[in-house]
N, C-alpha and C. Protein backbone atom coordinates (compact mmCIF):
# COMPACT_ATOMS: atom_id res chain seq x y z
N MET A 1 -58.58 20.55 -29.60
CA MET A 1 -58.07 19.49 -28.69
C MET A 1 -57.02 19.26 -28.74
N LYS A 2 -55.98 19.99 -29.68
CA LYS A 2 -54.39 19.79 -29.49
C LYS A 2 -54.31 20.62 -29.06
N ARG A 3 -54.77 21.70 -28.69
CA ARG A 3 -54.30 22.52 -28.10
C ARG A 3 -54.12 22.51 -26.18
N ARG A 4 -55.55 21.70 -26.17
CA ARG A 4 -55.71 21.20 -24.74
C ARG A 4 -54.59 20.21 -24.12
N VAL A 5 -54.64 18.60 -25.24
CA VAL A 5 -53.02 17.93 -24.93
C VAL A 5 -52.20 19.20 -25.13
N LEU A 6 -51.93 19.22 -25.68
CA LEU A 6 -50.58 20.41 -25.48
C LEU A 6 -50.25 20.93 -24.08
N TRP A 7 -51.41 21.87 -23.69
CA TRP A 7 -51.29 22.74 -22.66
C TRP A 7 -51.77 21.54 -21.71
N CYS A 8 -51.95 20.67 -21.39
CA CYS A 8 -51.75 19.38 -20.52
C CYS A 8 -50.47 19.05 -20.24
N ALA A 9 -49.92 18.92 -21.37
CA ALA A 9 -48.57 18.11 -21.04
C ALA A 9 -47.37 19.07 -20.77
N LEU A 10 -47.69 20.51 -21.16
CA LEU A 10 -46.69 21.22 -21.07
C LEU A 10 -46.95 21.46 -18.92
N THR A 11 -47.99 21.34 -18.88
CA THR A 11 -48.63 21.79 -17.13
C THR A 11 -47.66 20.80 -16.78
N LEU A 12 -47.79 19.55 -17.05
CA LEU A 12 -47.35 18.17 -16.76
C LEU A 12 -45.72 18.23 -16.70
N SER A 13 -45.25 18.49 -17.29
CA SER A 13 -43.92 18.63 -17.71
C SER A 13 -42.81 19.89 -16.58
N LEU A 14 -44.07 20.90 -16.49
CA LEU A 14 -43.83 22.07 -15.22
C LEU A 14 -43.77 21.23 -14.37
N ILE A 15 -44.67 20.82 -13.64
CA ILE A 15 -45.11 20.24 -12.18
C ILE A 15 -43.92 19.12 -12.34
N ILE A 16 -43.72 18.21 -12.81
CA ILE A 16 -42.19 17.25 -12.87
C ILE A 16 -40.85 17.90 -12.94
N THR A 17 -41.38 18.89 -13.50
CA THR A 17 -39.23 20.16 -13.46
C THR A 17 -39.31 20.47 -12.24
N LEU A 18 -40.48 21.09 -11.64
CA LEU A 18 -40.24 21.50 -10.33
C LEU A 18 -40.53 20.73 -8.87
N VAL A 19 -41.22 19.54 -9.46
CA VAL A 19 -41.62 19.14 -8.12
C VAL A 19 -40.33 17.69 -7.99
N TRP A 20 -40.07 17.36 -9.02
CA TRP A 20 -39.42 16.11 -9.06
C TRP A 20 -37.81 16.14 -8.21
N PRO A 21 -37.35 17.47 -8.75
CA PRO A 21 -35.74 17.36 -7.62
C PRO A 21 -36.09 18.17 -6.09
N VAL A 22 -37.13 18.11 -5.66
CA VAL A 22 -37.72 18.45 -4.11
C VAL A 22 -37.80 17.23 -3.45
N ILE A 23 -38.44 16.07 -4.13
CA ILE A 23 -38.35 14.70 -3.29
C ILE A 23 -37.32 14.11 -3.22
N PRO A 24 -37.63 14.06 -1.72
CA PRO A 24 -36.04 13.61 -0.88
C PRO A 24 -35.54 11.99 -1.47
N ILE A 25 -34.59 11.67 -2.06
CA ILE A 25 -34.28 10.53 -2.26
C ILE A 25 -33.21 9.68 -1.02
N PRO A 26 -33.41 8.53 -0.70
CA PRO A 26 -32.56 7.82 0.33
C PRO A 26 -31.34 8.08 -0.25
N SER A 27 -30.16 8.68 0.88
CA SER A 27 -28.73 8.98 0.26
C SER A 27 -27.95 7.53 0.61
N ALA A 28 -26.76 7.58 0.77
CA ALA A 28 -25.52 6.59 1.23
C ALA A 28 -24.93 7.03 2.16
N THR A 29 -25.24 8.01 2.72
CA THR A 29 -24.63 8.88 4.08
C THR A 29 -24.82 7.64 5.23
N GLY A 30 -25.64 6.98 4.97
CA GLY A 30 -25.30 5.64 6.28
C GLY A 30 -24.75 4.55 6.47
N ARG A 31 -24.38 4.17 4.97
CA ARG A 31 -22.82 3.78 4.75
C ARG A 31 -21.72 4.39 4.76
N LEU A 32 -21.61 5.44 4.57
CA LEU A 32 -20.48 6.39 4.61
C LEU A 32 -19.94 6.01 6.29
N ALA A 33 -21.16 6.40 7.29
CA ALA A 33 -21.08 6.51 8.23
C ALA A 33 -20.84 5.14 9.49
N ALA A 34 -21.22 4.26 8.65
CA ALA A 34 -21.10 2.36 8.90
C ALA A 34 -19.22 2.10 8.07
N ILE A 35 -18.64 2.75 8.00
CA ILE A 35 -17.24 2.33 7.10
C ILE A 35 -16.59 2.17 8.89
N PRO A 36 -16.16 1.21 9.00
CA PRO A 36 -15.27 0.55 9.93
C PRO A 36 -14.34 1.66 10.83
N THR A 37 -13.53 2.24 11.78
CA THR A 37 -12.48 3.38 11.76
C THR A 37 -11.46 2.17 11.96
N SER A 38 -11.61 0.54 12.27
CA SER A 38 -10.22 -0.32 13.01
C SER A 38 -11.13 -1.35 13.12
N SER A 39 -9.96 -2.49 12.69
CA SER A 39 -10.29 -4.03 13.26
C SER A 39 -8.92 -4.79 13.39
N PRO A 40 -8.96 -5.63 13.59
CA PRO A 40 -7.32 -6.60 13.80
C PRO A 40 -6.61 -6.31 12.76
N ASP A 41 -6.96 -6.17 11.32
CA ASP A 41 -6.24 -6.24 10.45
C ASP A 41 -6.00 -4.47 9.68
N PHE A 42 -6.32 -3.55 10.67
CA PHE A 42 -6.19 -2.24 10.23
C PHE A 42 -6.44 -1.23 10.91
N LEU A 43 -6.01 0.08 11.24
CA LEU A 43 -6.47 1.03 11.69
C LEU A 43 -6.45 2.44 10.99
N SER A 44 -7.87 3.55 11.23
CA SER A 44 -7.50 4.44 10.24
C SER A 44 -7.97 5.42 11.11
N GLN A 45 -7.86 6.85 10.16
CA GLN A 45 -7.67 8.03 11.22
C GLN A 45 -8.54 9.05 10.01
N PRO A 46 -9.04 9.80 10.32
CA PRO A 46 -10.10 10.73 9.85
C PRO A 46 -9.21 11.85 8.73
N LEU A 47 -9.26 11.78 7.87
CA LEU A 47 -8.87 12.77 7.00
C LEU A 47 -9.81 13.87 6.64
N ALA A 48 -9.11 15.21 6.65
CA ALA A 48 -10.24 17.14 6.64
C ALA A 48 -10.05 16.71 4.94
N LEU A 49 -11.23 17.05 4.36
CA LEU A 49 -11.15 17.11 2.97
C LEU A 49 -10.62 18.73 2.79
N SER A 50 -9.91 19.06 1.79
CA SER A 50 -9.09 20.20 1.53
C SER A 50 -10.37 21.03 0.94
N PRO A 51 -10.47 22.30 1.34
CA PRO A 51 -11.46 23.48 0.52
C PRO A 51 -11.62 23.51 -0.62
N ASN A 52 -10.72 22.82 -1.51
CA ASN A 52 -11.35 22.55 -2.99
C ASN A 52 -11.72 21.65 -3.66
N ASP A 53 -11.34 20.01 -2.30
CA ASP A 53 -12.35 19.51 -2.52
C ASP A 53 -14.00 19.57 -2.31
N ILE A 54 -13.85 20.28 -1.18
CA ILE A 54 -15.19 20.26 -0.90
C ILE A 54 -16.21 20.99 -1.73
N ALA A 55 -15.77 22.67 -2.06
CA ALA A 55 -16.28 23.19 -3.64
C ALA A 55 -16.41 21.98 -4.48
N PHE A 56 -15.70 21.33 -5.14
CA PHE A 56 -15.69 20.04 -5.83
C PHE A 56 -17.05 20.16 -5.68
N LEU A 57 -17.11 18.68 -4.54
CA LEU A 57 -18.33 18.12 -4.36
C LEU A 57 -19.41 18.39 -3.79
N GLY A 58 -19.40 19.90 -3.75
CA GLY A 58 -20.83 20.29 -3.40
C GLY A 58 -21.78 19.62 -2.74
N GLN A 59 -22.72 19.32 -2.94
CA GLN A 59 -24.02 18.48 -2.25
C GLN A 59 -23.40 17.17 -1.92
N ALA A 60 -22.64 16.56 -2.82
CA ALA A 60 -22.08 15.31 -2.67
C ALA A 60 -21.42 15.15 -1.28
N GLN A 61 -21.64 13.94 -0.84
CA GLN A 61 -20.53 13.66 1.13
C GLN A 61 -20.22 13.02 0.98
N SER A 62 -18.94 12.58 1.17
CA SER A 62 -17.87 11.99 1.56
C SER A 62 -16.55 11.98 2.38
N VAL A 63 -16.06 10.71 2.74
CA VAL A 63 -15.03 10.86 3.99
C VAL A 63 -14.18 10.18 3.43
N GLN A 64 -12.84 10.67 4.01
CA GLN A 64 -11.77 10.27 3.89
C GLN A 64 -11.16 9.98 4.92
N TYR A 65 -9.95 8.70 5.01
CA TYR A 65 -9.34 8.37 6.16
C TYR A 65 -8.28 7.90 5.44
N LEU A 66 -7.14 8.06 6.53
CA LEU A 66 -5.93 7.26 6.01
C LEU A 66 -5.88 6.11 6.79
N ILE A 67 -5.92 4.69 5.97
CA ILE A 67 -5.29 3.55 6.17
C ILE A 67 -4.19 2.93 7.00
N THR A 68 -4.10 2.44 7.81
CA THR A 68 -2.69 1.57 8.06
C THR A 68 -2.44 0.27 8.72
N MET A 69 -2.28 -0.59 7.70
CA MET A 69 -2.70 -1.74 7.87
C MET A 69 -1.76 -2.28 8.72
N ARG A 70 -2.08 -4.34 9.00
CA ARG A 70 -1.34 -3.97 9.93
C ARG A 70 0.25 -4.65 9.22
N ASP A 71 0.36 -4.99 8.50
CA ASP A 71 1.58 -4.72 7.84
C ASP A 71 2.49 -3.80 7.52
N GLY A 72 2.03 -2.40 7.84
CA GLY A 72 2.84 -1.26 7.99
C GLY A 72 2.68 -0.58 6.24
N ALA A 73 1.68 -0.90 5.61
CA ALA A 73 1.32 -0.21 4.51
C ALA A 73 0.42 0.72 4.93
N ARG A 74 0.36 2.22 4.16
CA ARG A 74 -1.02 3.21 4.42
C ARG A 74 -1.05 3.08 2.84
N LEU A 75 -2.93 4.14 3.09
CA LEU A 75 -3.20 4.14 2.10
C LEU A 75 -4.66 5.23 2.40
N VAL A 76 -4.98 5.84 1.34
CA VAL A 76 -5.90 6.79 1.90
C VAL A 76 -6.70 6.03 1.01
N LEU A 77 -7.87 6.56 1.70
CA LEU A 77 -9.50 6.04 1.80
C LEU A 77 -10.38 7.15 1.49
N SER A 78 -10.79 7.29 0.12
CA SER A 78 -11.67 8.48 -0.01
C SER A 78 -13.25 7.42 -0.59
N VAL A 79 -14.29 7.88 -0.19
CA VAL A 79 -15.77 6.72 -0.35
C VAL A 79 -16.39 8.34 -0.56
N ILE A 80 -17.32 8.67 -2.11
CA ILE A 80 -18.41 9.67 -2.37
C ILE A 80 -19.50 8.65 -2.48
N ASP A 81 -20.56 9.91 -2.07
CA ASP A 81 -21.90 9.30 -1.86
C ASP A 81 -22.65 10.54 -2.92
N GLY A 82 -22.72 10.43 -4.20
CA GLY A 82 -23.11 11.31 -5.11
C GLY A 82 -24.86 11.81 -4.90
N THR A 83 -25.22 11.16 -4.19
CA THR A 83 -27.09 11.24 -4.06
C THR A 83 -27.58 12.83 -4.43
N HIS A 84 -26.51 13.87 -3.81
CA HIS A 84 -27.26 14.95 -4.13
C HIS A 84 -26.51 15.90 -5.21
N ASN A 85 -24.95 15.03 -5.73
CA ASN A 85 -24.54 15.67 -6.59
C ASN A 85 -24.25 14.74 -7.03
N ARG A 86 -24.32 14.21 -8.24
CA ARG A 86 -23.87 12.39 -9.05
C ARG A 86 -22.78 13.03 -9.72
N HIS A 87 -22.65 14.02 -10.42
CA HIS A 87 -21.38 14.58 -11.36
C HIS A 87 -20.17 14.99 -10.36
N ALA A 88 -20.03 14.77 -9.21
CA ALA A 88 -18.50 14.89 -8.56
C ALA A 88 -18.61 13.10 -8.43
N VAL A 89 -18.97 12.45 -8.84
CA VAL A 89 -18.85 11.03 -8.78
C VAL A 89 -17.99 10.36 -10.10
N HIS A 90 -17.24 10.08 -10.13
CA HIS A 90 -16.67 9.80 -12.05
C HIS A 90 -15.20 9.24 -11.77
N ASP A 91 -14.60 8.60 -13.20
CA ASP A 91 -13.27 7.87 -12.86
C ASP A 91 -12.40 8.51 -12.61
N PRO A 92 -11.60 8.40 -11.13
CA PRO A 92 -10.35 9.36 -10.45
C PRO A 92 -9.54 9.70 -10.92
N SER A 93 -9.19 8.81 -12.35
CA SER A 93 -8.33 9.15 -13.23
C SER A 93 -8.25 10.51 -13.65
N TYR A 94 -9.42 11.03 -13.78
CA TYR A 94 -9.86 12.41 -14.49
C TYR A 94 -8.95 13.49 -12.81
N CYS A 95 -9.19 13.23 -11.42
CA CYS A 95 -8.82 13.85 -10.53
C CYS A 95 -7.01 13.61 -10.77
N PHE A 96 -6.67 12.42 -11.00
CA PHE A 96 -5.42 12.48 -10.44
C PHE A 96 -4.46 13.08 -11.67
N ALA A 97 -5.23 13.57 -12.88
CA ALA A 97 -4.67 13.70 -13.53
C ALA A 97 -4.87 14.98 -13.44
N GLY A 98 -5.31 15.94 -12.82
CA GLY A 98 -5.59 17.52 -12.25
C GLY A 98 -5.02 17.48 -11.40
N ALA A 99 -4.27 16.57 -10.73
CA ALA A 99 -3.13 16.53 -9.40
C ALA A 99 -2.18 16.69 -9.89
N GLY A 100 -1.83 16.39 -11.44
CA GLY A 100 -0.59 16.34 -11.68
C GLY A 100 0.30 15.15 -11.81
N TRP A 101 -0.20 13.70 -11.82
CA TRP A 101 0.07 12.46 -11.80
C TRP A 101 -0.45 11.76 -13.26
N ASN A 102 0.68 11.39 -13.73
CA ASN A 102 0.43 10.63 -15.07
C ASN A 102 0.16 9.34 -14.66
N VAL A 103 -0.50 8.87 -15.71
CA VAL A 103 -1.18 7.41 -15.09
C VAL A 103 -0.25 6.69 -16.22
N GLU A 104 1.15 5.85 -15.81
CA GLU A 104 1.03 4.82 -16.57
C GLU A 104 0.97 3.43 -17.13
N SER A 105 0.17 3.08 -15.96
CA SER A 105 -0.24 1.39 -16.62
C SER A 105 -1.93 1.40 -15.49
N LYS A 106 -2.75 0.85 -16.50
CA LYS A 106 -4.17 0.55 -15.59
C LYS A 106 -4.67 -0.62 -15.87
N GLN A 107 -5.45 -1.47 -15.06
CA GLN A 107 -5.48 -2.72 -15.36
C GLN A 107 -6.70 -2.98 -14.98
N SER A 108 -7.54 -3.63 -15.05
CA SER A 108 -8.96 -4.33 -14.43
C SER A 108 -8.31 -5.88 -13.13
N VAL A 109 -8.97 -5.39 -12.26
CA VAL A 109 -8.64 -6.73 -11.29
C VAL A 109 -9.82 -7.03 -10.31
N THR A 110 -9.79 -7.91 -10.00
CA THR A 110 -11.07 -8.68 -9.07
C THR A 110 -11.35 -8.06 -7.82
N VAL A 111 -12.15 -8.17 -7.29
CA VAL A 111 -12.56 -7.53 -5.93
C VAL A 111 -13.55 -8.74 -4.94
N PRO A 112 -13.71 -8.74 -3.97
CA PRO A 112 -14.93 -9.32 -3.38
C PRO A 112 -15.92 -9.67 -4.15
N SER A 113 -16.88 -8.79 -4.77
CA SER A 113 -18.19 -9.11 -5.60
C SER A 113 -17.89 -8.01 -7.06
N GLY A 114 -16.90 -8.45 -7.51
CA GLY A 114 -16.79 -7.44 -8.74
C GLY A 114 -15.59 -7.29 -9.45
N ASN A 115 -15.56 -6.47 -10.24
CA ASN A 115 -13.67 -5.91 -10.24
C ASN A 115 -13.91 -4.51 -10.21
N ALA A 116 -12.47 -4.15 -10.08
CA ALA A 116 -12.07 -2.70 -9.60
C ALA A 116 -11.03 -2.57 -11.34
N THR A 117 -10.49 -1.17 -10.80
CA THR A 117 -9.15 -0.54 -11.67
C THR A 117 -8.25 -0.52 -10.75
N TRP A 118 -7.11 -0.92 -11.05
CA TRP A 118 -5.89 -0.53 -10.77
C TRP A 118 -5.03 0.44 -11.79
N VAL A 119 -4.47 1.99 -11.07
CA VAL A 119 -3.84 2.39 -12.06
C VAL A 119 -2.03 2.75 -11.10
N SER A 120 -1.27 2.42 -12.00
CA SER A 120 0.29 3.23 -11.65
C SER A 120 0.04 4.78 -11.95
N MET A 121 0.93 5.72 -11.04
CA MET A 121 0.98 6.67 -11.41
C MET A 121 2.50 7.45 -11.16
N VAL A 122 2.91 8.36 -11.92
CA VAL A 122 3.93 9.46 -11.49
C VAL A 122 4.03 10.40 -11.70
N LYS A 123 4.46 11.21 -10.34
CA LYS A 123 4.33 12.96 -10.57
C LYS A 123 6.23 13.13 -9.75
N ASP A 124 6.39 13.84 -10.28
CA ASP A 124 7.62 14.26 -10.22
C ASP A 124 8.54 13.37 -9.04
N HIS A 125 8.68 12.91 -10.04
CA HIS A 125 9.57 11.32 -9.96
C HIS A 125 8.88 10.22 -8.76
N GLN A 126 8.14 10.62 -8.01
CA GLN A 126 7.40 9.67 -7.14
C GLN A 126 6.44 9.16 -7.66
N LYS A 127 6.05 7.75 -6.99
CA LYS A 127 5.38 6.81 -8.00
C LYS A 127 4.42 6.75 -7.06
N SER A 128 2.59 6.23 -7.29
CA SER A 128 1.96 6.18 -6.48
C SER A 128 0.91 5.06 -7.38
N GLU A 129 -0.12 4.54 -6.12
CA GLU A 129 -0.88 3.46 -7.12
C GLU A 129 -2.45 3.52 -6.60
N ALA A 130 -3.36 3.00 -7.31
CA ALA A 130 -4.49 3.28 -6.71
C ALA A 130 -5.43 2.23 -7.44
N LEU A 131 -6.44 1.95 -6.10
CA LEU A 131 -7.65 1.18 -6.99
C LEU A 131 -8.51 1.39 -6.66
N TRP A 132 -10.11 1.98 -7.44
CA TRP A 132 -11.10 2.24 -7.17
C TRP A 132 -12.26 1.54 -7.75
N PHE A 133 -13.53 1.83 -7.47
CA PHE A 133 -14.45 1.11 -8.15
C PHE A 133 -15.82 1.69 -7.67
N PHE A 134 -17.14 1.54 -8.45
CA PHE A 134 -18.01 1.80 -7.56
C PHE A 134 -18.53 0.49 -6.93
N ASP A 135 -19.26 0.87 -5.75
CA ASP A 135 -19.97 0.03 -4.85
C ASP A 135 -21.52 0.22 -4.72
N ASP A 136 -22.40 -0.20 -4.96
CA ASP A 136 -23.89 -0.57 -4.64
C ASP A 136 -24.19 -1.19 -3.28
N GLY A 137 -23.09 -1.58 -2.78
CA GLY A 137 -23.74 -2.66 -1.47
C GLY A 137 -23.68 -4.22 -1.60
N LYS A 138 -24.09 -4.42 -3.23
CA LYS A 138 -23.97 -5.62 -3.45
C LYS A 138 -22.97 -6.08 -4.45
N HIS A 139 -22.49 -5.54 -5.27
CA HIS A 139 -21.16 -5.68 -5.77
C HIS A 139 -20.78 -4.24 -6.80
N GLN A 140 -18.81 -4.49 -6.99
CA GLN A 140 -18.30 -3.36 -6.91
C GLN A 140 -18.31 -3.47 -9.04
N TYR A 141 -18.04 -2.38 -9.74
CA TYR A 141 -17.73 -2.39 -10.55
C TYR A 141 -17.26 -0.97 -11.80
N THR A 142 -16.58 -0.63 -12.42
CA THR A 142 -15.85 0.26 -12.83
C THR A 142 -16.95 1.05 -13.82
N SER A 143 -17.60 0.53 -14.32
CA SER A 143 -18.33 1.30 -15.55
C SER A 143 -19.34 2.45 -15.12
N SER A 144 -18.42 3.83 -15.61
CA SER A 144 -19.38 5.09 -15.29
C SER A 144 -20.52 5.20 -16.36
N ILE A 145 -21.09 4.22 -16.96
CA ILE A 145 -22.52 3.96 -17.81
C ILE A 145 -23.16 3.48 -16.72
N GLU A 146 -22.56 2.08 -15.90
CA GLU A 146 -22.91 1.67 -15.31
C GLU A 146 -23.60 2.51 -13.89
N TYR A 147 -23.05 3.39 -13.58
CA TYR A 147 -22.96 3.84 -12.72
C TYR A 147 -24.22 4.88 -12.74
N TRP A 148 -24.14 5.54 -13.57
CA TRP A 148 -25.20 6.67 -14.33
C TRP A 148 -26.54 5.94 -14.28
N LEU A 149 -26.34 5.08 -14.82
CA LEU A 149 -28.05 4.26 -15.09
C LEU A 149 -28.62 3.98 -13.96
N ALA A 150 -27.70 3.08 -12.88
CA ALA A 150 -28.23 3.11 -11.84
C ALA A 150 -28.73 4.40 -11.09
N ALA A 151 -27.38 5.57 -11.20
CA ALA A 151 -28.42 6.66 -10.05
C ALA A 151 -29.34 7.30 -11.06
N SER A 152 -29.50 7.39 -12.42
CA SER A 152 -30.68 7.92 -13.16
C SER A 152 -31.79 7.02 -12.57
N MET A 153 -31.92 5.63 -12.55
CA MET A 153 -32.81 4.88 -12.06
C MET A 153 -33.33 5.36 -10.81
N ARG A 154 -32.65 5.25 -9.80
CA ARG A 154 -32.69 5.40 -8.71
C ARG A 154 -33.44 7.09 -8.33
N ARG A 155 -33.00 7.69 -9.08
CA ARG A 155 -34.02 9.00 -9.28
C ARG A 155 -35.35 9.05 -9.99
N ALA A 156 -35.44 7.73 -10.67
CA ALA A 156 -36.85 7.96 -11.27
C ALA A 156 -37.39 6.87 -10.62
N THR A 157 -37.03 6.25 -9.74
CA THR A 157 -37.73 5.24 -9.12
C THR A 157 -37.91 6.00 -7.38
N PHE A 158 -37.10 7.12 -7.25
CA PHE A 158 -37.59 7.42 -6.02
C PHE A 158 -36.36 6.75 -5.05
N GLY A 159 -35.81 6.09 -5.09
CA GLY A 159 -34.93 5.30 -4.71
C GLY A 159 -35.77 3.86 -4.29
N LEU A 160 -36.51 3.40 -4.83
CA LEU A 160 -37.14 2.11 -4.96
C LEU A 160 -36.01 1.11 -5.54
N SER A 161 -35.14 1.66 -6.64
CA SER A 161 -34.70 0.56 -7.63
C SER A 161 -33.36 -0.11 -6.65
N GLY A 162 -32.96 0.69 -5.80
CA GLY A 162 -31.82 -0.03 -5.04
C GLY A 162 -31.17 1.04 -4.26
N ALA A 163 -29.94 0.50 -3.94
CA ALA A 163 -29.10 1.55 -2.96
C ALA A 163 -28.26 2.41 -4.07
N GLU A 164 -27.75 3.67 -3.23
CA GLU A 164 -26.98 4.37 -4.10
C GLU A 164 -25.73 3.88 -4.32
N PRO A 165 -25.37 3.89 -5.55
CA PRO A 165 -23.49 3.23 -5.29
C PRO A 165 -23.14 4.42 -5.04
N VAL A 166 -21.64 4.11 -4.22
CA VAL A 166 -20.58 4.99 -3.68
C VAL A 166 -19.29 4.65 -4.59
N LEU A 167 -18.35 6.09 -4.67
CA LEU A 167 -17.11 5.64 -5.57
C LEU A 167 -16.39 5.57 -4.23
N VAL A 168 -15.41 4.21 -4.21
CA VAL A 168 -14.83 4.12 -3.37
C VAL A 168 -13.21 3.89 -3.88
N THR A 169 -12.19 4.96 -3.45
CA THR A 169 -10.47 4.84 -4.06
C THR A 169 -9.85 4.48 -2.91
N LEU A 170 -9.23 3.58 -3.22
CA LEU A 170 -7.74 3.82 -2.22
C LEU A 170 -6.50 4.13 -3.15
N ARG A 171 -5.90 4.90 -2.45
CA ARG A 171 -4.67 5.43 -3.11
C ARG A 171 -3.35 5.17 -2.00
N SER A 172 -2.32 4.56 -2.13
CA SER A 172 -1.05 4.28 -1.89
C SER A 172 -0.07 6.05 -1.52
N LEU A 173 0.40 6.13 -0.17
CA LEU A 173 1.13 7.36 -0.22
C LEU A 173 2.46 6.95 -1.47
N PRO A 174 2.97 8.24 -1.57
CA PRO A 174 3.91 8.45 -2.79
C PRO A 174 4.91 7.47 -2.47
N ASP A 175 5.62 6.96 -3.21
CA ASP A 175 6.68 5.81 -2.78
C ASP A 175 6.30 5.24 -1.60
N GLU A 176 5.35 4.64 -1.32
CA GLU A 176 5.28 3.26 -0.31
C GLU A 176 4.30 2.65 -1.02
N PRO A 177 5.45 1.12 -0.86
CA PRO A 177 4.60 0.38 -1.37
C PRO A 177 3.54 -0.40 -1.00
N VAL A 178 2.64 -1.13 -1.55
CA VAL A 178 0.97 -1.71 -1.00
C VAL A 178 1.11 -3.07 -1.62
N GLN A 179 1.16 -3.47 -0.53
CA GLN A 179 0.25 -5.49 -1.33
C GLN A 179 -0.75 -5.70 -1.80
N TRP A 180 -1.27 -5.02 -3.08
CA TRP A 180 -2.80 -4.55 -3.34
C TRP A 180 -3.47 -6.00 -3.16
N GLY A 181 -2.87 -7.25 -3.38
CA GLY A 181 -3.60 -8.57 -3.11
C GLY A 181 -3.92 -8.96 -1.83
N ARG A 182 -3.41 -8.11 -0.79
CA ARG A 182 -3.60 -8.10 0.58
C ARG A 182 -5.35 -7.09 0.62
N VAL A 183 -5.00 -6.19 0.20
CA VAL A 183 -5.60 -5.41 0.33
C VAL A 183 -7.29 -5.54 -0.31
N ARG A 184 -7.02 -6.24 -1.41
CA ARG A 184 -8.62 -6.75 -2.17
C ARG A 184 -8.62 -7.68 -1.08
N GLN A 185 -8.28 -9.40 -0.28
CA GLN A 185 -8.32 -10.25 0.10
C GLN A 185 -8.73 -10.02 1.63
N ILE A 186 -7.94 -8.87 2.53
CA ILE A 186 -8.18 -8.69 3.43
C ILE A 186 -8.80 -7.28 4.02
N LEU A 187 -8.69 -6.60 3.44
CA LEU A 187 -8.75 -4.82 3.62
C LEU A 187 -10.47 -4.50 3.22
N LEU A 188 -10.40 -4.90 1.99
CA LEU A 188 -11.86 -4.55 1.72
C LEU A 188 -13.00 -5.19 1.86
N PRO A 189 -12.65 -6.34 2.46
CA PRO A 189 -14.28 -7.17 3.17
C PRO A 189 -14.20 -6.33 4.95
N ALA A 190 -12.75 -6.36 5.21
CA ALA A 190 -12.94 -5.77 6.76
C ALA A 190 -13.22 -4.01 6.69
N LEU A 191 -13.52 -3.43 5.24
CA LEU A 191 -14.22 -2.05 5.21
C LEU A 191 -15.96 -2.33 5.39
N GLY A 192 -16.15 -3.37 4.91
CA GLY A 192 -17.51 -3.50 4.08
C GLY A 192 -17.90 -3.87 3.16
N PHE A 193 -16.44 -3.82 1.80
CA PHE A 193 -16.59 -4.05 0.80
C PHE A 193 -16.84 -5.30 0.31
N ARG A 194 -17.82 -6.40 0.77
CA ARG A 194 -17.88 -7.45 0.41
C ARG A 194 -18.44 -7.74 -1.01
């Protein structure tokens, strides 16, 4: 009897291991495509991903834009959907460090429906700032653990537990000042992150 139970458990585990990954899960690519390219408050132009970015993302989907706000501030917007490679979605501070930036300061700030992390960085005597958060379509947060739990729950429920969280990063161009209050109050809602 014990052998039969063990063989049944092994067979079930094998079926789940082979079948689970091929069951399609709704992705957030529709959200990436729905990001507006202009409004009265900003204009944007698509930026191509570098070959290194494409290799790193693997099956993850991403869009990147150069945003010019009405006040002249310019930022790079990156949004990553990790539905098919959640390992590509993580705290971007690691990527900043990998690109040679040293994070001087980091703090939590409020955004329209939650919180974000703002960082100030320096590299070769140039300064840059960034704001990042995970967004599930309802609220923004910065906890990697919360992201992993939400993404894992989506996989376990075949996408029925909610929308796939995306990673949103806004980064200023080197030595170009940005009014982050305006970004949080005006730009983020205009981009659809309410």
